[in-house]
Amino acid sequence: MIDKIKKYLADVRIELGKVIWPSKAELRESSTIVVILSLLLATFTFSIDFILNRILQFIL
């Protein structure tokens, strides 16, 4: 059992060595894009909800 765990951890270490980690600039850029798109989606969802709510209030 211990040998299996050691092999697993060794394999994990090998696979992590193959990973290409983003630079700080790439990470910052990607994070900015995610935040902006999330805010846009939230605004869009709020707008649609608000409009549909007003339409339903007018009908009912």
C-alpha atoms as a PDB file:
ATOM      1  CA  MET A   1       0.000   0.000   0.000  1.00  0.00           C
ATOM      2  CA  ILE A   2       2.800   2.400   0.893  1.00  0.00           C
ATOM      3  CA  ASP A   3       4.527   1.613  -2.411  1.00  0.00           C
ATOM      4  CA  LYS A   4       1.374   2.528  -4.339  1.00  0.00           C
ATOM      5  CA  ILE A   5       1.155   5.864  -2.521  1.00  0.00           C
ATOM      6  CA  LYS A   6       4.828   6.589  -3.212  1.00  0.00           C
ATOM      7  CA  LYS A   7       4.362   5.742  -6.903  1.00  0.00           C
ATOM      8  CA  TYR A   8       1.267   7.926  -7.100  1.00  0.00           C
ATOM      9  CA  LEU A   9       3.079  10.896  -5.533  1.00  0.00           C
ATOM     10  CA  ALA A  10       6.056  10.377  -7.841  1.00  0.00           C
ATOM     11  CA  ASP A  11       3.708  10.346 -10.847  1.00  0.00           C
ATOM     12  CA  VAL A  12       2.007  13.505  -9.622  1.00  0.00           C
ATOM     13  CA  ARG A  13       5.388  15.209  -9.287  1.00  0.00           C
ATOM     14  CA  ILE A  14       6.322  14.193 -12.858  1.00  0.00           C
ATOM     15  CA  GLU A  15       3.004  15.466 -14.263  1.00  0.00           C
ATOM     16  CA  LEU A  16       3.291  18.779 -12.386  1.00  0.00           C
ATOM     17  CA  GLY A  17       6.716  19.209 -13.958  1.00  0.00           C
ATOM     18  CA  LYS A  18       5.061  19.109 -17.392  1.00  0.00           C
ATOM     19  CA  VAL A  19       2.645  21.932 -16.561  1.00  0.00           C
ATOM     20  CA  ILE A  20       3.305  25.286 -18.195  1.00  0.00           C
ATOM     21  CA  TRP A  21       2.405  27.838 -15.524  1.00  0.00           C
ATOM     22  CA  PRO A  22       1.234  31.288 -16.691  1.00  0.00           C
ATOM     23  CA  SER A  23       3.334  34.345 -15.982  1.00  0.00           C
ATOM     24  CA  LYS A  24       2.058  37.019 -13.606  1.00  0.00           C
ATOM     25  CA  ALA A  25       1.125  39.228 -16.566  1.00  0.00           C
ATOM     26  CA  GLU A  26      -0.839  36.424 -18.265  1.00  0.00           C
ATOM     27  CA  LEU A  27      -2.589  35.565 -15.020  1.00  0.00           C
ATOM     28  CA  ARG A  28      -3.476  39.210 -14.375  1.00  0.00           C
ATOM     29  CA  GLU A  29      -4.825  39.605 -17.925  1.00  0.00           C
ATOM     30  CA  SER A  30      -6.903  36.434 -17.738  1.00  0.00           C
ATOM     31  CA  SER A  31      -8.289  37.385 -14.330  1.00  0.00           C
ATOM     32  CA  THR A  32      -9.242  40.854 -15.597  1.00  0.00           C
ATOM     33  CA  ILE A  33     -11.091  39.343 -18.546  1.00  0.00           C
ATOM     34  CA  VAL A  34     -12.977  36.941 -16.261  1.00  0.00           C
ATOM     35  CA  VAL A  35     -14.008  39.745 -13.878  1.00  0.00           C
ATOM     36  CA  ILE A  36     -15.154  42.027 -16.719  1.00  0.00           C
ATOM     37  CA  LEU A  37     -17.146  39.278 -18.438  1.00  0.00           C
ATOM     38  CA  SER A  38     -18.710  38.261 -15.121  1.00  0.00           C
ATOM     39  CA  LEU A  39     -19.816  41.852 -14.484  1.00  0.00           C
ATOM     40  CA  LEU A  40     -21.233  42.123 -18.007  1.00  0.00           C
ATOM     41  CA  LEU A  41     -23.146  38.871 -17.602  1.00  0.00           C
ATOM     42  CA  ALA A  42     -24.493  39.968 -14.211  1.00  0.00           C
ATOM     43  CA  THR A  43     -25.605  43.308 -15.688  1.00  0.00           C
ATOM     44  CA  PHE A  44     -27.273  41.585 -18.633  1.00  0.00           C
ATOM     45  CA  THR A  45     -29.060  39.107 -16.360  1.00  0.00           C
ATOM     46  CA  PHE A  46     -30.222  41.895 -14.037  1.00  0.00           C
ATOM     47  CA  SER A  47     -31.496  43.939 -16.980  1.00  0.00           C
ATOM     48  CA  ILE A  48     -33.479  41.060 -18.478  1.00  0.00           C
ATOM     49  CA  ASP A  49     -34.905  40.172 -15.070  1.00  0.00           C
ATOM     50  CA  PHE A  50     -35.883  43.791 -14.405  1.00  0.00           C
ATOM     51  CA  ILE A  51     -37.564  44.205 -17.804  1.00  0.00           C
ATOM     52  CA  LEU A  52     -39.475  40.932 -17.565  1.00  0.00           C
ATOM     53  CA  ASN A  53     -40.530  41.793 -14.011  1.00  0.00           C
ATOM     54  CA  ARG A  54     -41.941  45.143 -15.174  1.00  0.00           C
ATOM     55  CA  ILE A  55     -43.786  43.478 -18.058  1.00  0.00           C
ATOM     56  CA  LEU A  56     -45.348  40.917 -15.740  1.00  0.00           C
ATOM     57  CA  GLN A  57     -46.356  43.618 -13.250  1.00  0.00           C
ATOM     58  CA  PHE A  58     -48.014  45.557 -16.057  1.00  0.00           C
ATOM     59  CA  ILE A  59     -49.894  42.470 -17.272  1.00  0.00           C
ATOM     60  CA  LEU A  60     -50.993  41.336 -13.829  1.00  0.00           C
END
